[in-house]
């Protein structure tokens, strides 16, 4: 499975085992930005990744407490990528949302809209740090297999800009 979809499929497989009816009040969690990370497998050089901002997740559950929908927003976030060999940096906005949900037939869908980065192209699997402006939607069957993926907007590989 493509690297960019590994996280998506993990979340969606977990959602696929839950019944679809929601009944409980959703929970809200504010998640601080992760620690800085060194990305070594996407560009021809190591890249330091830094996130400013928080993730706010709202989780919806059914009567038994099983997660059936997850919505995450990234208000006012920024991403900074730095080529550790040259010091070249790029800072971008990273505002948007994602939504994961279980469908009635046991399949699931994942939607990412706005601005953000993918490690590996989520459509082609090509390595790189891909900056998204727009929407990416993926659907998985009840077994967690990717059945469709669609992109509207742009995906730009930042590695070329960081190389200079």
C-alpha atoms as a PDB file:
ATOM      1  CA  UNK A   1       0.000   0.000   0.000  1.00  0.00           C
ATOM      2  CA  UNK A   2       1.241   3.509  -0.741  1.00  0.00           C
ATOM      3  CA  UNK A   3       3.020   5.168   2.192  1.00  0.00           C
ATOM      4  CA  UNK A   4       0.749   8.198   2.133  1.00  0.00           C
ATOM      5  CA  UNK A   5      -2.269   5.945   2.580  1.00  0.00           C
ATOM      6  CA  UNK A   6      -0.909   3.753   5.382  1.00  0.00           C
ATOM      7  CA  UNK A   7      -2.184   6.062   8.120  1.00  0.00           C
ATOM      8  CA  UNK A   8      -5.489   6.531   6.322  1.00  0.00           C
ATOM      9  CA  UNK A   9      -6.085   2.810   5.995  1.00  0.00           C
ATOM     10  CA  UNK A  10      -5.186   2.182   9.652  1.00  0.00           C
ATOM     11  CA  UNK A  11      -7.729   4.746  10.856  1.00  0.00           C
ATOM     12  CA  UNK A  12     -10.366   3.549   8.434  1.00  0.00           C
ATOM     13  CA  UNK A  13      -9.936  -0.138   9.255  1.00  0.00           C
ATOM     14  CA  UNK A  14     -10.548   0.725  12.903  1.00  0.00           C
ATOM     15  CA  UNK A  15     -13.668   2.637  11.905  1.00  0.00           C
ATOM     16  CA  UNK A  16     -14.894  -0.181   9.660  1.00  0.00           C
ATOM     17  CA  UNK A  17     -15.584  -2.504  12.583  1.00  0.00           C
ATOM     18  CA  UNK A  18     -17.918  -0.004  14.296  1.00  0.00           C
ATOM     19  CA  UNK A  19     -21.685   0.238  13.717  1.00  0.00           C
ATOM     20  CA  UNK A  20     -22.774   3.310  11.769  1.00  0.00           C
ATOM     21  CA  UNK A  21     -25.442   4.809  14.060  1.00  0.00           C
ATOM     22  CA  UNK A  22     -24.250   7.670  16.237  1.00  0.00           C
ATOM     23  CA  UNK A  23     -25.949   8.351  19.534  1.00  0.00           C
ATOM     24  CA  UNK A  24     -23.530   9.907  22.032  1.00  0.00           C
ATOM     25  CA  UNK A  25     -22.383  13.476  22.361  1.00  0.00           C
ATOM     26  CA  UNK A  26     -19.114  13.870  20.402  1.00  0.00           C
ATOM     27  CA  UNK A  27     -15.842  14.356  22.268  1.00  0.00           C
ATOM     28  CA  UNK A  28     -13.380  17.130  21.483  1.00  0.00           C
ATOM     29  CA  UNK A  29      -9.632  16.883  21.987  1.00  0.00           C
ATOM     30  CA  UNK A  30      -6.934  19.487  21.381  1.00  0.00           C
ATOM     31  CA  UNK A  31      -3.686  17.852  20.322  1.00  0.00           C
ATOM     32  CA  UNK A  32      -0.456  19.891  20.471  1.00  0.00           C
ATOM     33  CA  UNK A  33       1.937  19.891  17.532  1.00  0.00           C
ATOM     34  CA  UNK A  34       4.347  16.963  17.459  1.00  0.00           C
ATOM     35  CA  UNK A  35       8.044  17.420  18.111  1.00  0.00           C
ATOM     36  CA  UNK A  36      10.238  18.429  15.180  1.00  0.00           C
ATOM     37  CA  UNK A  37      11.153  15.506  12.940  1.00  0.00           C
ATOM     38  CA  UNK A  38      13.952  14.750  10.523  1.00  0.00           C
ATOM     39  CA  UNK A  39      12.615  13.359   7.245  1.00  0.00           C
ATOM     40  CA  UNK A  40      15.232  11.211   5.534  1.00  0.00           C
ATOM     41  CA  UNK A  41      13.327   9.126   2.984  1.00  0.00           C
ATOM     42  CA  UNK A  42      11.490  11.629   0.763  1.00  0.00           C
ATOM     43  CA  UNK A  43      14.036  14.075  -0.706  1.00  0.00           C
ATOM     44  CA  UNK A  44      17.642  13.445  -1.792  1.00  0.00           C
ATOM     45  CA  UNK A  45      18.723  15.170   1.449  1.00  0.00           C
ATOM     46  CA  UNK A  46      17.513  15.212   5.056  1.00  0.00           C
ATOM     47  CA  UNK A  47      14.744  17.700   5.857  1.00  0.00           C
ATOM     48  CA  UNK A  48      13.783  19.078   9.258  1.00  0.00           C
ATOM     49  CA  UNK A  49      10.005  19.341   9.626  1.00  0.00           C
ATOM     50  CA  UNK A  50       8.429  21.731  12.142  1.00  0.00           C
ATOM     51  CA  UNK A  51       4.702  22.326  12.817  1.00  0.00           C
ATOM     52  CA  UNK A  52       3.286  25.391  14.584  1.00  0.00           C
ATOM     53  CA  UNK A  53      -0.288  25.000  15.774  1.00  0.00           C
ATOM     54  CA  UNK A  54      -2.691  22.426  17.147  1.00  0.00           C
ATOM     55  CA  UNK A  55      -5.013  19.745  15.841  1.00  0.00           C
ATOM     56  CA  UNK A  56      -8.569  19.745  17.165  1.00  0.00           C
ATOM     57  CA  UNK A  57     -10.292  16.362  16.852  1.00  0.00           C
ATOM     58  CA  UNK A  58     -14.004  15.734  17.290  1.00  0.00           C
ATOM     59  CA  UNK A  59     -14.911  12.063  17.638  1.00  0.00           C
ATOM     60  CA  UNK A  60     -18.431  10.724  17.154  1.00  0.00           C
ATOM     61  CA  UNK A  61     -19.444   7.362  18.631  1.00  0.00           C
ATOM     62  CA  UNK A  62     -22.406   5.008  18.512  1.00  0.00           C
ATOM     63  CA  UNK A  63     -24.443   3.863  21.520  1.00  0.00           C
ATOM     64  CA  UNK A  64     -21.782   1.284  22.420  1.00  0.00           C
ATOM     65  CA  UNK A  65     -18.993   3.872  22.355  1.00  0.00           C
ATOM     66  CA  UNK A  66     -17.434   2.725  19.054  1.00  0.00           C
ATOM     67  CA  UNK A  67     -15.945   5.491  16.911  1.00  0.00           C
ATOM     68  CA  UNK A  68     -17.947   6.034  13.715  1.00  0.00           C
ATOM     69  CA  UNK A  69     -16.694   9.444  12.558  1.00  0.00           C
ATOM     70  CA  UNK A  70     -13.646  11.595  13.233  1.00  0.00           C
ATOM     71  CA  UNK A  71     -13.241  15.212  12.176  1.00  0.00           C
ATOM     72  CA  UNK A  72      -9.936  17.007  12.652  1.00  0.00           C
ATOM     73  CA  UNK A  73      -9.196  20.684  12.019  1.00  0.00           C
ATOM     74  CA  UNK A  74      -5.911  22.564  11.884  1.00  0.00           C
ATOM     75  CA  UNK A  75      -6.717  26.249  12.511  1.00  0.00           C
ATOM     76  CA  UNK A  76      -3.937  28.699  11.710  1.00  0.00           C
ATOM     77  CA  UNK A  77      -1.186  26.070  11.511  1.00  0.00           C
ATOM     78  CA  UNK A  78       2.089  26.493   9.631  1.00  0.00           C
ATOM     79  CA  UNK A  79       4.682  24.001   8.419  1.00  0.00           C
ATOM     80  CA  UNK A  80       8.375  24.774   8.062  1.00  0.00           C
ATOM     81  CA  UNK A  81      10.673  22.458   6.112  1.00  0.00           C
ATOM     82  CA  UNK A  82      14.442  23.015   6.190  1.00  0.00           C
ATOM     83  CA  UNK A  83      17.059  21.326   4.015  1.00  0.00           C
ATOM     84  CA  UNK A  84      19.623  20.251   6.636  1.00  0.00           C
ATOM     85  CA  UNK A  85      22.471  20.341   4.079  1.00  0.00           C
ATOM     86  CA  UNK A  86      21.932  23.864   2.694  1.00  0.00           C
ATOM     87  CA  UNK A  87      19.749  25.591   5.294  1.00  0.00           C
ATOM     88  CA  UNK A  88      17.104  26.451   2.678  1.00  0.00           C
ATOM     89  CA  UNK A  89      13.676  26.725   4.337  1.00  0.00           C
ATOM     90  CA  UNK A  90      10.084  26.884   3.179  1.00  0.00           C
ATOM     91  CA  UNK A  91       7.203  27.896   5.464  1.00  0.00           C
ATOM     92  CA  UNK A  92       3.655  27.220   4.311  1.00  0.00           C
ATOM     93  CA  UNK A  93       0.190  27.515   5.719  1.00  0.00           C
ATOM     94  CA  UNK A  94      -1.295  24.237   6.928  1.00  0.00           C
ATOM     95  CA  UNK A  95      -4.931  25.032   7.582  1.00  0.00           C
ATOM     96  CA  UNK A  96      -7.640  22.604   6.703  1.00  0.00           C
ATOM     97  CA  UNK A  97      -9.540  19.593   7.929  1.00  0.00           C
ATOM     98  CA  UNK A  98      -9.792  15.854   7.613  1.00  0.00           C
ATOM     99  CA  UNK A  99     -12.798  13.642   8.014  1.00  0.00           C
ATOM    100  CA  UNK A 100     -12.962   9.869   8.393  1.00  0.00           C
ATOM    101  CA  UNK A 101     -16.312   8.080   8.425  1.00  0.00           C
ATOM    102  CA  UNK A 102     -17.850   4.640   8.278  1.00  0.00           C
ATOM    103  CA  UNK A 103     -20.411   4.106   5.527  1.00  0.00           C
ATOM    104  CA  UNK A 104     -23.535   1.933   5.835  1.00  0.00           C
ATOM    105  CA  UNK A 105     -22.065  -1.001   3.879  1.00  0.00           C
ATOM    106  CA  UNK A 106     -18.987  -1.270   6.121  1.00  0.00           C
ATOM    107  CA  UNK A 107     -16.767   0.666   3.727  1.00  0.00           C
ATOM    108  CA  UNK A 108     -15.181   3.904   4.871  1.00  0.00           C
ATOM    109  CA  UNK A 109     -14.089   7.211   3.438  1.00  0.00           C
ATOM    110  CA  UNK A 110     -11.417   9.740   4.243  1.00  0.00           C
ATOM    111  CA  UNK A 111     -11.401  13.351   3.099  1.00  0.00           C
ATOM    112  CA  UNK A 112      -8.592  15.896   3.484  1.00  0.00           C
ATOM    113  CA  UNK A 113      -9.240  19.500   2.424  1.00  0.00           C
ATOM    114  CA  UNK A 114      -7.243  22.699   2.581  1.00  0.00           C
ATOM    115  CA  UNK A 115      -3.479  23.103   2.779  1.00  0.00           C
ATOM    116  CA  UNK A 116      -1.023  20.598   4.174  1.00  0.00           C
ATOM    117  CA  UNK A 117       1.802  18.194   3.449  1.00  0.00           C
ATOM    118  CA  UNK A 118       2.027  14.515   2.582  1.00  0.00           C
ATOM    119  CA  UNK A 119       5.172  12.413   2.904  1.00  0.00           C
ATOM    120  CA  UNK A 120       4.946  10.633  -0.430  1.00  0.00           C
ATOM    121  CA  UNK A 121       2.415  11.541  -3.099  1.00  0.00           C
ATOM    122  CA  UNK A 122      -0.954  10.179  -1.880  1.00  0.00           C
ATOM    123  CA  UNK A 123      -2.141   9.566  -5.453  1.00  0.00           C
ATOM    124  CA  UNK A 124       0.953   8.137  -7.206  1.00  0.00           C
ATOM    125  CA  UNK A 125       3.096   6.976  -4.281  1.00  0.00           C
ATOM    126  CA  UNK A 126       6.060   8.973  -5.651  1.00  0.00           C
ATOM    127  CA  UNK A 127       8.498  10.013  -2.885  1.00  0.00           C
ATOM    128  CA  UNK A 128       8.688  13.648  -1.863  1.00  0.00           C
ATOM    129  CA  UNK A 129       7.206  16.179   0.502  1.00  0.00           C
ATOM    130  CA  UNK A 130       4.004  17.026  -1.339  1.00  0.00           C
ATOM    131  CA  UNK A 131       2.158  20.244  -0.490  1.00  0.00           C
ATOM    132  CA  UNK A 132      -1.599  19.982  -1.014  1.00  0.00           C
ATOM    133  CA  UNK A 133      -3.919  22.821  -1.895  1.00  0.00           C
ATOM    134  CA  UNK A 134      -7.392  21.447  -2.459  1.00  0.00           C
ATOM    135  CA  UNK A 135      -9.036  18.112  -1.670  1.00  0.00           C
ATOM    136  CA  UNK A 136      -8.102  14.459  -1.577  1.00  0.00           C
ATOM    137  CA  UNK A 137     -10.762  11.815  -0.990  1.00  0.00           C
ATOM    138  CA  UNK A 138     -10.200   8.071  -0.590  1.00  0.00           C
ATOM    139  CA  UNK A 139     -12.655   5.208  -0.124  1.00  0.00           C
ATOM    140  CA  UNK A 140     -11.862   1.797   1.356  1.00  0.00           C
ATOM    141  CA  UNK A 141     -13.918  -1.396   1.253  1.00  0.00           C
ATOM    142  CA  UNK A 142     -15.022  -3.208   4.413  1.00  0.00           C
ATOM    143  CA  UNK A 143     -11.678  -5.092   4.464  1.00  0.00           C
ATOM    144  CA  UNK A 144      -9.654  -1.856   4.388  1.00  0.00           C
ATOM    145  CA  UNK A 145      -8.609  -2.118   0.720  1.00  0.00           C
ATOM    146  CA  UNK A 146      -8.356   1.135  -1.231  1.00  0.00           C
ATOM    147  CA  UNK A 147     -11.184   1.221  -3.789  1.00  0.00           C
ATOM    148  CA  UNK A 148     -10.941   4.803  -5.048  1.00  0.00           C
ATOM    149  CA  UNK A 149      -8.909   7.946  -4.608  1.00  0.00           C
ATOM    150  CA  UNK A 150      -9.522  11.357  -6.110  1.00  0.00           C
ATOM    151  CA  UNK A 151      -7.725  14.681  -5.973  1.00  0.00           C
ATOM    152  CA  UNK A 152      -8.922  18.167  -6.839  1.00  0.00           C
ATOM    153  CA  UNK A 153      -6.486  21.060  -6.574  1.00  0.00           C
ATOM    154  CA  UNK A 154      -2.708  20.821  -6.638  1.00  0.00           C
ATOM    155  CA  UNK A 155       0.044  18.683  -5.183  1.00  0.00           C
ATOM    156  CA  UNK A 156       3.514  20.238  -5.423  1.00  0.00           C
ATOM    157  CA  UNK A 157       6.706  18.401  -4.467  1.00  0.00           C
ATOM    158  CA  UNK A 158       8.650  20.770  -2.186  1.00  0.00           C
ATOM    159  CA  UNK A 159      11.919  18.805  -2.530  1.00  0.00           C
ATOM    160  CA  UNK A 160      12.888  20.714  -5.698  1.00  0.00           C
ATOM    161  CA  UNK A 161      12.393  24.079  -3.963  1.00  0.00           C
ATOM    162  CA  UNK A 162      14.334  22.902  -0.918  1.00  0.00           C
ATOM    163  CA  UNK A 163      17.228  21.644  -3.076  1.00  0.00           C
ATOM    164  CA  UNK A 164      18.351  25.149  -4.050  1.00  0.00           C
END
